[in-house]
Every structure is written in structure tokens, then in C-alpha cells.
Amino acid sequence: MDAGADEIKRVHVIVEGHVQGVGFRYFTVEQARRLGLSGWVRNLPSGAVEAEAEGPREDLLTFLELLEEGPAGAYVRRVRPEWLPPIGGEAGFRVRIYD
């Protein structure tokens, strides 16, 4: 196992493709909660989905792989992750309304 596998990280991700109107946000919430991640997901006016998740690096890598697959009915063209320092203090994973 990689020595940094349990290191807490945060990832900001933009998912592009046919990802709105197919349950993608709720799929994202389900996967994040299953992995024990904290953060949020929301639709963007561009038609993409945006999310931020925080947790152990290995779990975040699994999360990104799941986002590349998406739910049935979705077509994921591209997943663009950006690694960030963790912020902590966030509990759970939720859907946000675009603000």
C-alpha cells in the first residue's frame, strides 16, 4: 500500500458530457456517502456537474473512477480533477443548488 494512501485530500472535479437529467448528482451523493467522503455536488449552467469531495486519497481515487462511469443513462466525456488541500469541518455529502 502507498504510504500516502490514508492522507486526507480534497478534490474539485468538473464532469462533462451528458450528465444532467440522468440522476448524476444523486449517483455522486450515493457513491461519496458509501466511501465516507464529505463534500457537495451541483449542476452547472454549462451542462456539466461540479463536485468537491474530501477524504482519504485512495477513496477519492475510487470516487473519481466511479464518476468516470456515472449512472445508467449518463455519458461521461471528461472528468477534470483538481487536487486541493483539505479544509475539514464538513460533515456528510450533499447536493447544492448553483449559487
Protein backbone atom coordinates (compact mmCIF):
# COMPACT_ATOMS: atom_id res chain seq x y z
CA MET A 1 0.00 0.00 0.00
CA ASP A 2 1.16 3.51 -0.84
CA ALA A 3 2.44 5.40 2.23
CA GLY A 4 0.19 8.37 1.37
CA ALA A 5 -2.95 6.31 0.79
CA ASP A 6 -4.62 7.39 4.03
CA GLU A 7 -3.60 11.02 3.68
CA ILE A 8 -6.67 13.30 3.72
CA LYS A 9 -7.05 15.23 0.49
CA ARG A 10 -9.72 17.28 -1.27
CA VAL A 11 -10.57 17.11 -4.94
CA HIS A 12 -12.57 19.59 -7.00
CA VAL A 13 -13.95 17.98 -10.13
CA ILE A 14 -15.86 19.02 -13.26
CA VAL A 15 -17.65 16.21 -15.09
CA GLU A 16 -18.56 16.92 -18.72
CA GLY A 17 -20.83 15.02 -21.08
CA HIS A 18 -24.49 14.04 -20.86
CA VAL A 19 -24.55 14.32 -17.06
CA GLN A 20 -27.66 16.37 -16.27
CA GLY A 21 -31.18 14.94 -16.17
CA VAL A 22 -29.86 11.39 -15.65
CA GLY A 23 -29.55 11.25 -11.84
CA PHE A 24 -25.83 12.05 -11.88
CA ARG A 25 -25.90 14.25 -8.76
CA TYR A 26 -27.73 11.62 -6.75
CA PHE A 27 -25.38 8.91 -8.03
CA THR A 28 -22.49 11.12 -6.89
CA VAL A 29 -24.01 11.59 -3.42
CA GLU A 30 -24.60 7.84 -3.07
CA GLN A 31 -21.03 6.94 -4.07
CA ALA A 32 -19.48 9.63 -1.85
CA ARG A 33 -21.53 8.56 1.17
CA ARG A 34 -20.68 4.90 0.55
CA LEU A 35 -16.98 5.85 0.58
CA GLY A 36 -17.39 8.05 3.68
CA LEU A 37 -16.43 11.26 1.88
CA SER A 38 -17.61 14.74 2.77
CA GLY A 39 -18.43 17.49 0.27
CA TRP A 40 -21.01 18.51 -2.28
CA VAL A 41 -22.19 18.23 -5.89
CA ARG A 42 -24.19 20.58 -8.13
CA ASN A 43 -25.25 21.13 -11.73
CA LEU A 44 -23.61 23.98 -13.63
CA PRO A 45 -25.37 26.19 -16.19
CA SER A 46 -22.91 24.86 -18.81
CA GLY A 47 -24.47 21.38 -18.56
CA ALA A 48 -21.54 19.98 -16.57
CA VAL A 49 -21.62 18.69 -12.99
CA GLU A 50 -19.26 20.12 -10.37
CA ALA A 51 -18.28 18.44 -7.11
CA GLU A 52 -15.83 18.71 -4.25
CA ALA A 53 -15.02 15.76 -2.04
CA GLU A 54 -12.72 15.28 0.90
CA GLY A 55 -11.37 12.11 2.47
CA PRO A 56 -8.53 9.59 2.21
CA ARG A 57 -6.69 9.85 -1.10
CA GLU A 58 -7.38 6.22 -2.07
CA ASP A 59 -11.12 6.73 -1.52
CA LEU A 60 -11.02 9.89 -3.63
CA LEU A 61 -9.31 7.98 -6.45
CA THR A 62 -12.09 5.37 -6.28
CA PHE A 63 -14.65 8.20 -6.29
CA LEU A 64 -13.12 9.67 -9.47
CA GLU A 65 -13.23 6.26 -11.17
CA LEU A 66 -16.93 5.95 -10.28
CA LEU A 67 -17.62 9.42 -11.69
CA GLU A 68 -15.97 8.37 -14.95
CA GLU A 69 -18.57 5.57 -15.22
CA GLY A 70 -21.58 7.53 -13.95
CA PRO A 71 -25.10 6.17 -13.60
CA ALA A 72 -27.07 4.38 -16.32
CA GLY A 73 -28.18 6.93 -18.91
CA ALA A 74 -25.17 9.19 -18.43
CA TYR A 75 -22.39 9.65 -20.95
CA VAL A 76 -19.23 10.98 -19.34
CA ARG A 77 -16.95 12.64 -21.85
CA ARG A 78 -14.38 14.04 -19.43
CA VAL A 79 -13.61 14.22 -15.71
CA ARG A 80 -11.32 17.11 -14.75
CA PRO A 81 -9.99 16.77 -11.19
CA GLU A 82 -8.01 19.44 -9.35
CA TRP A 83 -6.36 18.40 -6.08
CA LEU A 84 -6.71 20.85 -3.21
CA PRO A 85 -5.63 20.98 0.42
CA PRO A 86 -8.29 19.63 2.78
CA ILE A 87 -10.47 22.13 4.64
CA GLY A 88 -12.03 19.83 7.26
CA GLY A 89 -15.06 20.60 9.36
CA GLU A 90 -17.55 19.46 6.73
CA ALA A 91 -19.97 16.68 7.62
CA GLY A 92 -21.67 14.49 5.03
CA PHE A 93 -22.09 14.87 1.31
CA ARG A 94 -24.95 16.85 -0.20
CA VAL A 95 -26.47 18.31 -3.35
CA ARG A 96 -26.01 22.07 -3.65
CA ILE A 97 -28.05 24.44 -5.75
CA TYR A 98 -25.95 26.55 -8.10
CA ASP A 99 -25.16 29.87 -6.41
